Amino acid sequence: MIGFIIAGLIIGALARLIKPGKQNLGLLATLLLGLAGSVIGGVIANLLGTGDIFELNILGFVVAVIASVLLIGVAESMSGRRNRSVRR
């Protein structure tokens, strides 16, 4: 379980490095989005038959990073909409 949390943090950090621009996300949001990306990557790798959901493999890792980048983009757009509506 601790390894899963560390992997989620690493995946979230890599996704933030890959995503261009400044993200207004804290450490907890990075961890949660990285964990979500890890689960998505594990599920997709499992569906493709390359390993178990919680098993670390190359395909699952790559898909997890891509999923985390997409999740960070969604989180940014959601927080951007909320901040714009508050300013009005």
C-alpha atoms as a PDB file:
ATOM      1  CA  MET A   1       0.000   0.000   0.000  1.00  0.00           C
ATOM      2  CA  ILE A   2       2.839   2.389   0.804  1.00  0.00           C
ATOM      3  CA  GLY A   3       4.444   1.529  -2.526  1.00  0.00           C
ATOM      4  CA  PHE A   4       1.168   2.339  -4.272  1.00  0.00           C
ATOM      5  CA  ILE A   5       1.068   5.767  -2.571  1.00  0.00           C
ATOM      6  CA  ILE A   6       4.707   6.484  -3.480  1.00  0.00           C
ATOM      7  CA  ALA A   7       4.093   5.395  -7.083  1.00  0.00           C
ATOM      8  CA  GLY A   8       1.021   7.668  -7.206  1.00  0.00           C
ATOM      9  CA  LEU A   9       3.068  10.612  -5.963  1.00  0.00           C
ATOM     10  CA  ILE A  10       5.801   9.950  -8.532  1.00  0.00           C
ATOM     11  CA  ILE A  11       3.268   9.548 -11.345  1.00  0.00           C
ATOM     12  CA  GLY A  12       1.470  12.740 -10.289  1.00  0.00           C
ATOM     13  CA  ALA A  13       4.763  14.656 -10.151  1.00  0.00           C
ATOM     14  CA  LEU A  14       5.769  13.403 -13.609  1.00  0.00           C
ATOM     15  CA  ALA A  15       2.370  14.370 -14.973  1.00  0.00           C
ATOM     16  CA  ARG A  16       2.783  17.895 -13.575  1.00  0.00           C
ATOM     17  CA  LEU A  17       6.210  18.138 -15.214  1.00  0.00           C
ATOM     18  CA  ILE A  18       4.823  16.994 -18.567  1.00  0.00           C
ATOM     19  CA  LYS A  19       1.742  19.266 -18.459  1.00  0.00           C
ATOM     20  CA  PRO A  20       2.725  22.715 -19.734  1.00  0.00           C
ATOM     21  CA  GLY A  21       1.945  25.831 -17.739  1.00  0.00           C
ATOM     22  CA  LYS A  22       1.590  26.495 -14.045  1.00  0.00           C
ATOM     23  CA  GLN A  23      -0.741  24.234 -12.114  1.00  0.00           C
ATOM     24  CA  ASN A  24      -2.355  25.516  -8.940  1.00  0.00           C
ATOM     25  CA  LEU A  25      -2.440  22.099  -7.306  1.00  0.00           C
ATOM     26  CA  GLY A  26      -1.110  21.180  -3.907  1.00  0.00           C
ATOM     27  CA  LEU A  27       0.749  18.065  -2.850  1.00  0.00           C
ATOM     28  CA  LEU A  28      -2.437  16.273  -1.807  1.00  0.00           C
ATOM     29  CA  ALA A  29      -4.148  16.988  -5.149  1.00  0.00           C
ATOM     30  CA  THR A  30      -1.029  15.789  -6.995  1.00  0.00           C
ATOM     31  CA  LEU A  31      -1.022  12.596  -4.918  1.00  0.00           C
ATOM     32  CA  LEU A  32      -4.730  11.924  -5.468  1.00  0.00           C
ATOM     33  CA  LEU A  33      -4.551  12.551  -9.213  1.00  0.00           C
ATOM     34  CA  GLY A  34      -1.437  10.372  -9.430  1.00  0.00           C
ATOM     35  CA  LEU A  35      -3.212   7.584  -7.539  1.00  0.00           C
ATOM     36  CA  ALA A  36      -6.234   7.875  -9.818  1.00  0.00           C
ATOM     37  CA  GLY A  37      -3.933   7.761 -12.849  1.00  0.00           C
ATOM     38  CA  SER A  38      -2.194   4.693 -11.416  1.00  0.00           C
ATOM     39  CA  VAL A  39      -5.470   2.859 -10.994  1.00  0.00           C
ATOM     40  CA  ILE A  40      -6.530   3.784 -14.534  1.00  0.00           C
ATOM     41  CA  GLY A  41      -3.140   2.655 -15.896  1.00  0.00           C
ATOM     42  CA  GLY A  42      -3.328  -0.601 -13.941  1.00  0.00           C
ATOM     43  CA  VAL A  43      -6.844  -1.327 -15.156  1.00  0.00           C
ATOM     44  CA  ILE A  44      -5.917  -0.674 -18.787  1.00  0.00           C
ATOM     45  CA  ALA A  45      -2.750  -2.796 -18.473  1.00  0.00           C
ATOM     46  CA  ASN A  46      -4.842  -5.560 -16.897  1.00  0.00           C
ATOM     47  CA  LEU A  47      -7.390  -5.379 -19.724  1.00  0.00           C
ATOM     48  CA  LEU A  48      -4.555  -5.668 -22.247  1.00  0.00           C
ATOM     49  CA  GLY A  49      -3.218  -8.704 -20.388  1.00  0.00           C
ATOM     50  CA  THR A  50       0.180  -7.273 -19.440  1.00  0.00           C
ATOM     51  CA  GLY A  51      -0.198  -7.572 -15.682  1.00  0.00           C
ATOM     52  CA  ASP A  52      -2.301  -7.157 -12.572  1.00  0.00           C
ATOM     53  CA  ILE A  53      -3.896  -3.841 -11.564  1.00  0.00           C
ATOM     54  CA  PHE A  54      -1.426  -3.255  -8.711  1.00  0.00           C
ATOM     55  CA  GLU A  55       1.579  -4.666 -10.543  1.00  0.00           C
ATOM     56  CA  LEU A  56       4.154  -2.163 -11.760  1.00  0.00           C
ATOM     57  CA  ASN A  57       4.958  -2.602 -15.457  1.00  0.00           C
ATOM     58  CA  ILE A  58       6.037  -0.309 -18.261  1.00  0.00           C
ATOM     59  CA  LEU A  59       2.736  -0.140 -20.132  1.00  0.00           C
ATOM     60  CA  GLY A  60       0.743   0.488 -16.961  1.00  0.00           C
ATOM     61  CA  PHE A  61       3.198   3.194 -15.897  1.00  0.00           C
ATOM     62  CA  VAL A  62       3.031   5.012 -19.247  1.00  0.00           C
ATOM     63  CA  VAL A  63      -0.760   4.846 -19.330  1.00  0.00           C
ATOM     64  CA  ALA A  64      -0.880   6.020 -15.690  1.00  0.00           C
ATOM     65  CA  VAL A  65       1.220   9.097 -16.498  1.00  0.00           C
ATOM     66  CA  ILE A  66      -0.924   9.919 -19.551  1.00  0.00           C
ATOM     67  CA  ALA A  67      -4.114   9.477 -17.512  1.00  0.00           C
ATOM     68  CA  SER A  68      -2.695  11.711 -14.760  1.00  0.00           C
ATOM     69  CA  VAL A  69      -1.833  14.440 -17.274  1.00  0.00           C
ATOM     70  CA  LEU A  70      -5.415  14.329 -18.532  1.00  0.00           C
ATOM     71  CA  LEU A  71      -6.784  14.347 -14.982  1.00  0.00           C
ATOM     72  CA  ILE A  72      -4.644  17.375 -14.103  1.00  0.00           C
ATOM     73  CA  GLY A  73      -6.042  19.182 -17.148  1.00  0.00           C
ATOM     74  CA  VAL A  74      -9.583  18.379 -16.040  1.00  0.00           C
ATOM     75  CA  ALA A  75      -8.832  19.503 -12.467  1.00  0.00           C
ATOM     76  CA  GLU A  76      -7.354  22.771 -13.739  1.00  0.00           C
ATOM     77  CA  SER A  77     -10.361  23.491 -15.931  1.00  0.00           C
ATOM     78  CA  MET A  78     -12.755  22.721 -13.070  1.00  0.00           C
ATOM     79  CA  SER A  79     -10.895  25.015 -10.662  1.00  0.00           C
ATOM     80  CA  GLY A  80     -10.600  27.699 -13.341  1.00  0.00           C
ATOM     81  CA  ARG A  81     -14.357  27.738 -13.871  1.00  0.00           C
ATOM     82  CA  ARG A  82     -14.983  27.928 -10.146  1.00  0.00           C
ATOM     83  CA  ASN A  83     -12.534  30.825  -9.705  1.00  0.00           C
ATOM     84  CA  ARG A  84     -14.037  32.771 -12.623  1.00  0.00           C
ATOM     85  CA  SER A  85     -17.567  32.436 -11.283  1.00  0.00           C
ATOM     86  CA  VAL A  86     -16.488  33.702  -7.841  1.00  0.00           C
ATOM     87  CA  ARG A  87     -14.879  36.853  -9.284  1.00  0.00           C
ATOM     88  CA  ARG A  88     -18.013  37.998 -11.074  1.00  0.00           C
END
